[in-house]
Amino acid sequence: MSSNEENDVILQTVNNKGIITLNRPKALNSLNLSMIRKIYPAMKKWEHEMNMVIIKGAGEKAFCAGGDVRTLAEAGLKGDHTGKIFFREEYTLNALIGTYSIPYVALIDKITMGGGVGLSVHGPFRVATERTLFAMPETTIGLFADVGGSHILPRLGGKLGLYLALTGHRLKGIDCLKAGIATHFCESSKLPELEEELINCKNPETAVKEILDRSTEVSKVESHEFSLAPHLKQIENCFSAPTVEEILVRLKTDGSEWALNTLEILSKVSPTSCKVIKKELEEGATKSLQECLIMEYRLGSHFCDRLEFYEGVRALLIDKDQKPKWNPPTLKEVSQDIVDYHFEPLTPEEELKV
């Protein structure tokens, strides 16, 4: 194990509280297998020994900018399906967070995307700051809304979750609270003070919510209007269409600047990802988190067997030419059979057990 791997997560216990610090600031704390394999056993142990867990990110830029997809794609292009192992262990951690029996507080200051969303959004307490930047940008890399995205996104209200998943739209600061991604808010300058108060609280079962409620109230978030509020009716009208093709038709019919900008974004992302995500969120709306993660592991396994994901990462993060060659290249060519293939069950041995 390299020294970088040894220090990629810092685990501390203070006052009967477990503290997890994601410690790859130069990589925006992007999540890798080494980190997951430290966090999961610590959380399993702490669930019986501690009375609260806090998770945060080191550095000035990110809580966690996502899974380390570049490493997974580089391996996949060489025929090494490390991605399947990564997804299995990542989703198992997501499931643990969703059923954790002691208070779990995620301080989602700064960039929180993809895998970072999975480390936070399934817990009961997610604290945003004015620096929080949330997105689920998987369509830009030819992937799908994973880490339990199929569970949380359909529950944001209306078609907001589908809009966020297909477009990768970024939410900033208080907007994360307004959308339902965060449960509480704290100004970043007061975050150390808040963390200290949480660490020193005597009875986290009752005190955590009171402390975080106070922090949110002091921040006067009620006066802030959700930045997407002017477009919620348009989002509902356009993204409630029965097919992705019809979503585009409705956006063209709308014709507003917002609609045309949205069309421009959707013209560049993976057609396969768009169709898979639409079905995924429809299915996830009626499933438990565990059922969603089992479905997502099937999706992840099948995506690892195709080149779409690797091509998306190549264009965005490796060669950075921003010119992915999607296959199929158009929505029309993404047949129902192609979509359904991604949802097919795995062998009993391969299925995710959560």
Protein backbone atom coordinates (compact mmCIF):
# COMPACT_ATOMS: atom_id res chain seq x y z
CA MET A 1 0.00 0.00 0.00
CA SER A 2 1.44 3.39 -0.96
CA SER A 3 1.64 6.24 1.56
CA ASN A 4 -1.05 8.04 -0.48
CA GLU A 5 -3.39 5.10 -0.01
CA GLU A 6 -2.56 4.83 3.67
CA ASN A 7 -3.68 8.42 4.26
CA ASP A 8 -6.61 8.69 1.81
CA VAL A 9 -9.07 8.51 4.71
CA ILE A 10 -8.48 9.80 8.23
CA LEU A 11 -10.46 7.99 10.93
CA GLN A 12 -10.71 9.55 14.39
CA THR A 13 -12.75 8.97 17.53
CA VAL A 14 -13.46 11.88 19.88
CA ASN A 15 -15.96 11.95 22.77
CA ASN A 16 -17.54 8.70 21.63
CA LYS A 17 -18.01 10.14 18.12
CA GLY A 18 -16.49 8.68 14.95
CA ILE A 19 -15.09 11.21 12.46
CA ILE A 20 -14.34 10.30 8.83
CA THR A 21 -12.26 12.74 6.78
CA LEU A 22 -11.91 12.04 3.06
CA ASN A 23 -8.30 12.96 2.45
CA ARG A 24 -7.47 13.16 -1.26
CA PRO A 25 -7.79 16.94 -1.68
CA LYS A 26 -5.65 17.05 -4.85
CA ALA A 27 -8.13 14.59 -6.43
CA LEU A 28 -11.12 16.51 -4.99
CA ASN A 29 -11.52 13.65 -2.50
CA SER A 30 -12.81 11.39 -5.26
CA LEU A 31 -13.74 8.01 -3.84
CA ASN A 32 -11.70 4.91 -4.62
CA LEU A 33 -11.69 1.30 -3.49
CA SER A 34 -8.95 1.91 -0.91
CA MET A 35 -11.12 4.56 0.80
CA ILE A 36 -14.28 2.45 0.76
CA ARG A 37 -12.36 -0.45 2.33
CA LYS A 38 -11.38 1.79 5.25
CA ILE A 39 -14.73 3.56 5.72
CA TYR A 40 -17.01 0.50 5.63
CA PRO A 41 -15.37 -1.57 8.40
CA ALA A 42 -14.91 1.53 10.58
CA MET A 43 -18.60 2.38 10.26
CA LYS A 44 -19.64 -1.20 11.02
CA LYS A 45 -17.50 -1.14 14.17
CA TRP A 46 -18.55 2.35 15.24
CA GLU A 47 -22.25 1.55 14.91
CA HIS A 48 -21.88 -0.53 18.08
CA GLU A 49 -19.21 1.50 19.86
CA MET A 50 -19.86 5.20 19.08
CA ASN A 51 -22.98 7.35 19.45
CA MET A 52 -22.59 9.40 16.25
CA VAL A 53 -20.55 9.56 13.02
CA ILE A 54 -19.50 12.71 11.15
CA ILE A 55 -18.12 12.59 7.59
CA LYS A 56 -16.36 15.52 5.89
CA GLY A 57 -13.81 16.30 3.17
CA ALA A 58 -10.27 17.69 3.51
CA GLY A 59 -9.04 20.69 1.55
CA GLU A 60 -10.62 23.82 0.17
CA LYS A 61 -12.40 22.48 -2.89
CA ALA A 62 -14.54 19.41 -2.27
CA PHE A 63 -16.44 17.16 0.10
CA CYS A 64 -16.21 14.45 -2.56
CA ALA A 65 -16.35 15.08 -6.31
CA GLY A 66 -17.49 11.52 -7.09
CA GLY A 67 -16.10 8.07 -7.65
CA ASP A 68 -12.64 7.82 -9.18
CA VAL A 69 -14.15 6.99 -12.59
CA ARG A 70 -10.99 7.83 -14.51
CA THR A 71 -9.12 4.96 -12.83
CA LEU A 72 -12.07 2.61 -13.44
CA ALA A 73 -12.31 3.60 -17.12
CA GLU A 74 -8.57 3.29 -17.72
CA ALA A 75 -8.71 -0.22 -16.26
CA GLY A 76 -11.84 -1.06 -18.27
CA LEU A 77 -10.26 0.00 -21.54
CA LYS A 78 -7.56 -2.60 -20.84
CA GLY A 79 -10.17 -5.29 -20.19
CA ASP A 80 -9.87 -5.09 -16.39
CA HIS A 81 -13.38 -4.86 -14.92
CA THR A 82 -12.34 -3.33 -11.60
CA GLY A 83 -15.48 -1.21 -11.98
CA LYS A 84 -17.72 -4.11 -10.99
CA ILE A 85 -15.77 -4.63 -7.76
CA PHE A 86 -15.83 -0.90 -7.06
CA PHE A 87 -19.59 -0.58 -7.64
CA ARG A 88 -20.31 -3.63 -5.48
CA GLU A 89 -18.39 -2.28 -2.50
CA GLU A 90 -19.52 1.34 -3.00
CA TYR A 91 -23.21 0.39 -3.12
CA THR A 92 -22.79 -1.85 -0.08
CA LEU A 93 -21.47 1.21 1.78
CA ASN A 94 -24.39 3.31 0.50
CA ALA A 95 -26.81 0.68 1.86
CA LEU A 96 -25.11 0.78 5.28
CA ILE A 97 -25.44 4.57 5.42
CA GLY A 98 -29.14 4.27 4.56
CA THR A 99 -29.82 1.89 7.47
CA TYR A 100 -27.31 3.25 10.01
CA SER A 101 -28.67 3.00 13.53
CA ILE A 102 -26.80 5.96 15.09
CA PRO A 103 -26.85 9.60 13.91
CA TYR A 104 -24.78 10.10 10.74
CA VAL A 105 -23.95 13.69 9.80
CA ALA A 106 -22.48 14.56 6.39
CA LEU A 107 -20.89 18.01 6.14
CA ILE A 108 -21.32 18.49 2.39
CA ASP A 109 -19.28 21.68 2.09
CA LYS A 110 -17.97 22.44 -1.45
CA ILE A 111 -18.16 20.02 -4.43
CA THR A 112 -20.51 17.09 -3.79
CA MET A 113 -21.11 14.97 -6.88
CA GLY A 114 -21.74 11.33 -7.83
CA GLY A 115 -20.06 9.14 -5.20
CA GLY A 116 -20.02 12.08 -2.78
CA VAL A 117 -23.80 12.19 -3.03
CA GLY A 118 -23.88 8.48 -2.17
CA LEU A 119 -21.80 9.10 0.97
CA SER A 120 -24.25 11.72 2.21
CA VAL A 121 -27.75 11.72 0.82
CA HIS A 122 -28.95 8.44 2.36
CA GLY A 123 -28.11 9.61 5.87
CA PRO A 124 -30.58 11.59 8.00
CA PHE A 125 -28.44 14.74 8.31
CA ARG A 126 -26.81 16.51 5.33
CA VAL A 127 -25.43 19.97 6.04
CA ALA A 128 -24.85 22.26 3.05
CA THR A 129 -22.98 25.57 3.06
CA GLU A 130 -22.96 28.51 0.64
CA ARG A 131 -20.00 26.75 -1.04
CA THR A 132 -21.80 23.45 -1.70
CA LEU A 133 -21.96 22.47 -5.36
CA PHE A 134 -24.17 19.45 -6.07
CA ALA A 135 -24.57 17.56 -9.34
CA MET A 136 -25.25 14.09 -10.71
CA PRO A 137 -23.44 14.47 -14.07
CA GLU A 138 -23.47 10.82 -15.14
CA THR A 139 -25.05 11.38 -18.58
CA THR A 140 -21.92 13.34 -19.56
CA ILE A 141 -19.74 10.25 -19.01
CA GLY A 142 -22.11 7.63 -20.44
CA LEU A 143 -23.14 6.21 -17.08
CA PHE A 144 -26.41 6.26 -15.06
CA ALA A 145 -27.62 7.84 -11.82
CA ASP A 146 -26.00 5.47 -9.35
CA VAL A 147 -25.06 5.43 -5.63
CA GLY A 148 -28.78 5.21 -4.83
CA GLY A 149 -29.70 8.02 -7.21
CA SER A 150 -32.65 5.95 -8.40
CA HIS A 151 -34.01 6.16 -4.85
CA ILE A 152 -33.40 9.80 -3.91
CA LEU A 153 -33.98 11.57 -7.26
CA PRO A 154 -37.60 10.45 -7.88
CA ARG A 155 -38.42 11.61 -4.34
CA LEU A 156 -37.31 15.25 -4.77
CA GLY A 157 -40.76 16.29 -5.92
CA GLY A 158 -42.27 16.36 -9.39
CA LYS A 159 -39.79 15.76 -12.18
CA LEU A 160 -36.97 17.75 -10.60
CA GLY A 161 -34.90 14.60 -10.01
CA LEU A 162 -35.21 13.45 -13.63
CA TYR A 163 -34.25 16.93 -14.83
CA LEU A 164 -31.16 16.96 -12.58
CA ALA A 165 -30.18 13.43 -13.67
CA LEU A 166 -30.54 13.96 -17.43
CA THR A 167 -28.96 17.41 -17.59
CA GLY A 168 -26.38 17.18 -14.77
CA HIS A 169 -27.62 20.63 -13.67
CA ARG A 170 -25.62 22.03 -10.75
CA LEU A 171 -27.25 23.24 -7.56
CA LYS A 172 -25.35 25.68 -5.37
CA GLY A 173 -25.53 26.56 -1.69
CA ILE A 174 -29.01 27.00 -0.23
CA ASP A 175 -30.51 25.55 -3.44
CA CYS A 176 -29.32 22.13 -2.21
CA LEU A 177 -31.51 22.58 0.85
CA LYS A 178 -34.45 23.88 -1.16
CA ALA A 179 -34.27 20.90 -3.52
CA GLY A 180 -34.11 18.35 -0.70
CA ILE A 181 -30.52 17.21 -1.27
CA ALA A 182 -29.44 18.78 2.04
CA THR A 183 -31.49 18.68 5.24
CA HIS A 184 -29.74 21.59 6.96
CA PHE A 185 -27.56 24.62 6.26
CA CYS A 186 -24.56 26.28 7.92
CA GLU A 187 -22.40 29.16 6.75
CA SER A 188 -18.96 27.75 5.97
CA SER A 189 -17.24 30.18 8.38
CA LYS A 190 -19.25 28.63 11.20
CA LEU A 191 -18.66 25.01 10.21
CA PRO A 192 -15.76 24.39 12.66
CA GLU A 193 -17.94 25.77 15.46
CA LEU A 194 -20.84 23.53 14.41
CA GLU A 195 -18.61 20.46 14.25
CA GLU A 196 -17.27 21.19 17.73
CA GLU A 197 -20.79 21.51 19.08
CA LEU A 198 -21.74 18.17 17.53
CA ILE A 199 -18.64 16.44 18.91
CA ASN A 200 -19.32 17.79 22.40
CA CYS A 201 -23.06 17.04 22.51
CA LYS A 202 -24.05 14.56 25.23
CA ASN A 203 -27.06 12.88 23.65
CA PRO A 204 -26.78 12.83 19.86
CA GLU A 205 -30.08 10.96 19.40
CA THR A 206 -31.94 14.15 20.31
CA ALA A 207 -29.27 16.86 20.28
CA VAL A 208 -28.06 16.56 16.66
CA LYS A 209 -31.34 17.67 15.10
CA GLU A 210 -31.69 20.54 17.59
CA ILE A 211 -28.14 21.76 16.87
CA LEU A 212 -28.59 21.55 13.09
CA ASP A 213 -32.05 23.14 13.19
CA ARG A 214 -30.56 26.09 15.09
CA SER A 215 -27.74 26.46 12.59
CA THR A 216 -30.22 26.48 9.69
CA GLU A 217 -32.49 28.99 11.42
CA VAL A 218 -29.61 31.40 12.11
CA SER A 219 -28.67 31.29 8.41
CA LYS A 220 -32.09 32.76 7.47
CA VAL A 221 -32.55 30.37 4.55
CA GLU A 222 -36.31 30.95 4.35
CA SER A 223 -35.81 34.26 2.55
CA HIS A 224 -33.90 32.56 -0.27
CA GLU A 225 -35.85 31.66 -3.41
CA PHE A 226 -34.96 28.38 -5.09
CA SER A 227 -33.10 29.30 -8.31
CA LEU A 228 -35.13 26.76 -10.32
CA ALA A 229 -38.46 28.04 -8.93
CA PRO A 230 -39.19 30.06 -12.11
CA HIS A 231 -38.79 26.88 -14.20
CA LEU A 232 -40.47 24.22 -12.04
CA LYS A 233 -43.69 24.27 -14.08
CA GLN A 234 -41.70 23.93 -17.30
CA ILE A 235 -39.64 21.09 -15.81
CA GLU A 236 -42.85 19.33 -14.76
CA ASN A 237 -44.46 19.81 -18.17
CA CYS A 238 -41.47 18.81 -20.29
CA PHE A 239 -39.93 16.05 -18.16
CA SER A 240 -43.23 14.30 -17.44
CA ALA A 241 -43.27 13.21 -21.11
CA PRO A 242 -43.54 9.41 -21.61
CA THR A 243 -40.27 9.15 -23.58
CA VAL A 244 -36.96 11.01 -23.77
CA GLU A 245 -37.77 11.87 -27.41
CA GLU A 246 -41.02 13.48 -26.28
CA ILE A 247 -39.14 15.48 -23.61
CA LEU A 248 -37.13 17.04 -26.45
CA VAL A 249 -40.29 17.75 -28.46
CA ARG A 250 -41.85 19.51 -25.47
CA LEU A 251 -38.70 21.56 -24.88
CA LYS A 252 -38.72 22.65 -28.54
CA THR A 253 -42.41 23.54 -28.26
CA ASP A 254 -41.70 25.54 -25.09
CA GLY A 255 -39.07 27.53 -27.01
CA SER A 256 -37.95 29.69 -24.06
CA GLU A 257 -34.30 30.49 -23.43
CA TRP A 258 -34.30 27.97 -20.57
CA ALA A 259 -35.80 25.26 -22.81
CA LEU A 260 -33.35 25.92 -25.65
CA ASN A 261 -30.40 25.81 -23.24
CA THR A 262 -31.70 22.51 -21.86
CA LEU A 263 -32.01 21.12 -25.39
CA GLU A 264 -28.42 22.13 -26.09
CA ILE A 265 -27.22 20.24 -22.98
CA LEU A 266 -29.24 17.13 -23.85
CA SER A 267 -27.87 17.12 -27.41
CA LYS A 268 -24.36 16.42 -26.06
CA VAL A 269 -24.96 13.71 -23.44
CA SER A 270 -25.18 9.94 -23.92
CA PRO A 271 -28.47 8.89 -25.57
CA THR A 272 -28.19 5.45 -23.94
CA SER A 273 -27.65 6.99 -20.50
CA CYS A 274 -30.70 9.23 -20.94
CA LYS A 275 -33.03 6.36 -21.79
CA VAL A 276 -31.63 4.08 -19.08
CA ILE A 277 -31.92 6.84 -16.45
CA LYS A 278 -35.53 7.58 -17.34
CA LYS A 279 -36.50 3.94 -16.83
CA GLU A 280 -34.26 3.65 -13.76
CA LEU A 281 -35.94 6.57 -11.97
CA GLU A 282 -39.42 5.32 -12.86
CA GLU A 283 -38.56 1.93 -11.35
CA GLY A 284 -36.79 3.45 -8.36
CA ALA A 285 -39.81 5.56 -7.39
CA THR A 286 -41.51 2.49 -5.91
CA LYS A 287 -38.45 0.56 -4.63
CA SER A 288 -36.64 0.63 -1.29
CA LEU A 289 -33.05 1.89 -1.19
CA GLN A 290 -31.81 -1.70 -1.02
CA GLU A 291 -33.88 -2.70 -4.06
CA CYS A 292 -32.62 0.37 -5.93
CA LEU A 293 -29.00 -0.51 -5.20
CA ILE A 294 -29.53 -4.09 -6.40
CA MET A 295 -31.01 -2.70 -9.63
CA GLU A 296 -28.15 -0.20 -9.96
CA TYR A 297 -25.55 -2.93 -9.51
CA ARG A 298 -27.12 -4.75 -12.47
CA LEU A 299 -26.89 -1.49 -14.44
CA GLY A 300 -23.30 -0.91 -13.35
CA SER A 301 -22.25 -4.43 -14.32
CA HIS A 302 -23.81 -4.14 -17.77
CA PHE A 303 -22.36 -0.66 -18.33
CA CYS A 304 -18.91 -2.09 -17.48
CA ASP A 305 -19.42 -4.65 -20.25
CA ARG A 306 -20.06 -1.92 -22.84
CA LEU A 307 -17.74 0.87 -24.04
CA GLU A 308 -20.16 3.80 -23.53
CA PHE A 309 -18.96 4.58 -20.00
CA TYR A 310 -15.28 4.27 -20.92
CA GLU A 311 -15.76 6.49 -23.99
CA GLY A 312 -17.52 9.16 -21.92
CA VAL A 313 -14.73 9.25 -19.34
CA ARG A 314 -12.10 9.28 -22.11
CA ALA A 315 -13.64 12.33 -23.78
CA LEU A 316 -14.28 14.27 -20.57
CA LEU A 317 -11.44 13.32 -18.23
CA ILE A 318 -8.62 11.51 -20.07
CA ASP A 319 -8.14 13.03 -23.55
CA LYS A 320 -10.42 15.97 -22.64
CA ASP A 321 -11.43 16.51 -26.25
CA GLN A 322 -15.09 16.88 -25.15
CA LYS A 323 -16.10 14.86 -28.22
CA PRO A 324 -17.47 11.51 -27.06
CA LYS A 325 -18.46 9.09 -29.82
CA TRP A 326 -21.66 7.70 -28.31
CA ASN A 327 -22.83 4.32 -29.55
CA PRO A 328 -25.63 4.39 -30.58
CA PRO A 329 -25.17 8.07 -31.45
CA THR A 330 -28.87 9.06 -31.46
CA LEU A 331 -31.90 8.50 -29.23
CA LYS A 332 -33.76 6.95 -32.15
CA GLU A 333 -31.11 4.23 -32.43
CA VAL A 334 -31.27 3.36 -28.71
CA SER A 335 -33.86 0.60 -28.95
CA GLN A 336 -35.97 -0.70 -26.07
CA ASP A 337 -33.92 -3.90 -26.25
CA ILE A 338 -30.72 -1.94 -25.59
CA VAL A 339 -32.34 -0.21 -22.60
CA ASP A 340 -33.79 -3.45 -21.20
CA TYR A 341 -30.45 -5.25 -21.54
CA HIS A 342 -28.97 -3.02 -18.82
CA PHE A 343 -31.69 -4.07 -16.35
CA GLU A 344 -31.31 -7.81 -16.87
CA PRO A 345 -30.66 -9.85 -13.71
CA LEU A 346 -27.18 -11.21 -13.07
CA THR A 347 -26.37 -14.75 -11.99
CA PRO A 348 -27.27 -15.43 -8.33
CA GLU A 349 -23.56 -15.35 -7.46
CA GLU A 350 -23.07 -11.96 -9.13
CA GLU A 351 -26.13 -10.16 -7.72
CA LEU A 352 -25.53 -7.50 -5.06
CA LYS A 353 -26.38 -8.67 -1.53
CA VAL A 354 -27.49 -5.82 0.72
